[in-house]
């Protein structure tokens, strides 16, 4: 089992920045990749960015150049978000790809509003 906890969400003005963190615990040795997803009200959950153990990253087109995913060890994954827009408002979820199954955190709310 892998437990994930996100933090760093909050209210920010358009054009501002936030840094989300995801702390993993438990059987983290089986994790192959980490990802950030988001879900806005009334919409489906969508991919934001992923990063493999080798450091390969993948981004959704709508965040390229604005968001950066990173990991500092097997336990912590980050999402640096800049130039935030109102349409980035959503609950942001961290996901661990452990091969045989995925694990999700409870999410952290990001609200972009003036």
Protein backbone atom coordinates (compact mmCIF):
# COMPACT_ATOMS: atom_id res chain seq x y z
CA UNK A 1 0.00 0.00 0.00
CA UNK A 2 1.04 3.54 -0.77
CA UNK A 3 -0.33 6.58 1.00
CA UNK A 4 -0.26 9.99 -0.67
CA UNK A 5 -0.92 13.39 0.85
CA UNK A 6 -1.04 16.59 -1.16
CA UNK A 7 -0.41 20.07 0.23
CA UNK A 8 0.18 23.60 -0.95
CA UNK A 9 -3.16 24.45 -2.47
CA UNK A 10 -4.99 27.68 -1.78
CA UNK A 11 -6.34 30.89 -3.21
CA UNK A 12 -4.13 32.83 -5.62
CA UNK A 13 -4.70 35.75 -7.97
CA UNK A 14 -4.48 35.33 -11.74
CA UNK A 15 -0.85 35.46 -12.83
CA UNK A 16 0.32 34.18 -9.46
CA UNK A 17 2.21 31.05 -8.48
CA UNK A 18 1.75 28.08 -6.19
CA UNK A 19 3.83 25.04 -5.38
CA UNK A 20 2.03 21.80 -4.68
CA UNK A 21 3.70 18.98 -2.78
CA UNK A 22 2.88 15.29 -2.63
CA UNK A 23 4.33 13.15 0.15
CA UNK A 24 4.34 9.39 -0.38
CA UNK A 25 4.68 6.78 2.34
CA UNK A 26 4.28 3.05 2.70
CA UNK A 27 5.47 0.65 -0.02
CA UNK A 28 7.08 3.36 -2.15
CA UNK A 29 9.74 1.01 -3.58
CA UNK A 30 7.21 -0.19 -6.16
CA UNK A 31 6.41 3.26 -7.55
CA UNK A 32 7.42 3.64 -11.21
CA UNK A 33 6.10 7.12 -11.87
CA UNK A 34 4.24 9.98 -10.22
CA UNK A 35 1.66 12.28 -11.67
CA UNK A 36 -0.51 15.28 -11.01
CA UNK A 37 -4.11 15.37 -12.17
CA UNK A 38 -6.88 17.86 -11.66
CA UNK A 39 -10.64 17.95 -11.64
CA UNK A 40 -12.68 21.09 -12.02
CA UNK A 41 -16.36 21.25 -10.98
CA UNK A 42 -18.53 19.47 -13.52
CA UNK A 43 -15.56 18.17 -15.49
CA UNK A 44 -13.67 14.92 -15.72
CA UNK A 45 -10.34 14.40 -14.00
CA UNK A 46 -7.51 15.22 -16.41
CA UNK A 47 -3.78 14.70 -16.62
CA UNK A 48 -1.60 17.67 -15.73
CA UNK A 49 1.92 16.23 -15.64
CA UNK A 50 3.83 13.02 -14.97
CA UNK A 51 7.41 12.13 -14.08
CA UNK A 52 9.06 8.72 -14.19
CA UNK A 53 11.72 7.35 -11.86
CA UNK A 54 14.22 8.16 -14.61
CA UNK A 55 13.10 11.77 -14.58
CA UNK A 56 11.22 11.77 -17.86
CA UNK A 57 8.39 14.28 -17.79
CA UNK A 58 5.18 14.69 -19.72
CA UNK A 59 2.82 17.67 -19.64
CA UNK A 60 -0.65 18.44 -20.82
CA UNK A 61 -0.59 21.05 -23.57
CA UNK A 62 -2.54 23.53 -21.46
CA UNK A 63 0.23 23.73 -18.82
CA UNK A 64 3.37 23.56 -20.95
CA UNK A 65 5.66 26.43 -20.13
CA UNK A 66 3.72 27.31 -16.98
CA UNK A 67 3.91 24.23 -14.73
CA UNK A 68 6.91 22.11 -13.76
CA UNK A 69 6.81 18.68 -12.15
CA UNK A 70 9.77 17.47 -10.11
CA UNK A 71 10.82 14.89 -7.54
CA UNK A 72 13.54 15.23 -4.95
CA UNK A 73 13.51 11.59 -3.84
CA UNK A 74 11.22 8.60 -3.90
CA UNK A 75 8.92 10.22 -1.39
CA UNK A 76 8.29 13.80 -2.53
CA UNK A 77 6.85 15.08 -5.78
CA UNK A 78 6.16 18.71 -6.57
CA UNK A 79 4.18 20.78 -9.03
CA UNK A 80 5.40 24.33 -9.49
CA UNK A 81 2.61 26.35 -11.04
CA UNK A 82 3.17 29.81 -12.50
CA UNK A 83 1.14 32.26 -14.57
CA UNK A 84 -2.00 30.77 -13.11
CA UNK A 85 -5.31 31.36 -14.84
CA UNK A 86 -8.87 31.16 -13.59
CA UNK A 87 -9.33 28.01 -15.65
CA UNK A 88 -6.63 26.32 -13.54
CA UNK A 89 -9.09 26.30 -10.64
CA UNK A 90 -9.60 22.67 -9.64
CA UNK A 91 -8.86 20.02 -7.07
CA UNK A 92 -5.35 18.75 -7.78
CA UNK A 93 -4.59 15.10 -7.13
CA UNK A 94 -1.32 13.25 -6.84
CA UNK A 95 -1.13 9.75 -8.32
CA UNK A 96 1.45 7.01 -7.87
CA UNK A 97 1.87 4.43 -10.62
CA UNK A 98 2.95 1.24 -8.86
CA UNK A 99 2.64 -0.95 -11.93
CA UNK A 100 -0.06 -3.33 -10.76
CA UNK A 101 -2.24 -0.51 -9.46
CA UNK A 102 -2.49 3.22 -9.01
CA UNK A 103 -2.76 5.12 -5.76
CA UNK A 104 -4.40 8.51 -5.32
CA UNK A 105 -4.18 11.21 -2.71
CA UNK A 106 -7.26 13.01 -1.35
CA UNK A 107 -6.50 16.15 -3.36
CA UNK A 108 -5.81 19.80 -2.63
CA UNK A 109 -7.96 22.71 -3.79
CA UNK A 110 -6.43 25.39 -6.01
CA UNK A 111 -8.55 28.46 -6.64
CA UNK A 112 -7.38 31.18 -9.01
CA UNK A 113 -9.45 34.30 -8.55
CA UNK A 114 -9.10 38.03 -8.06
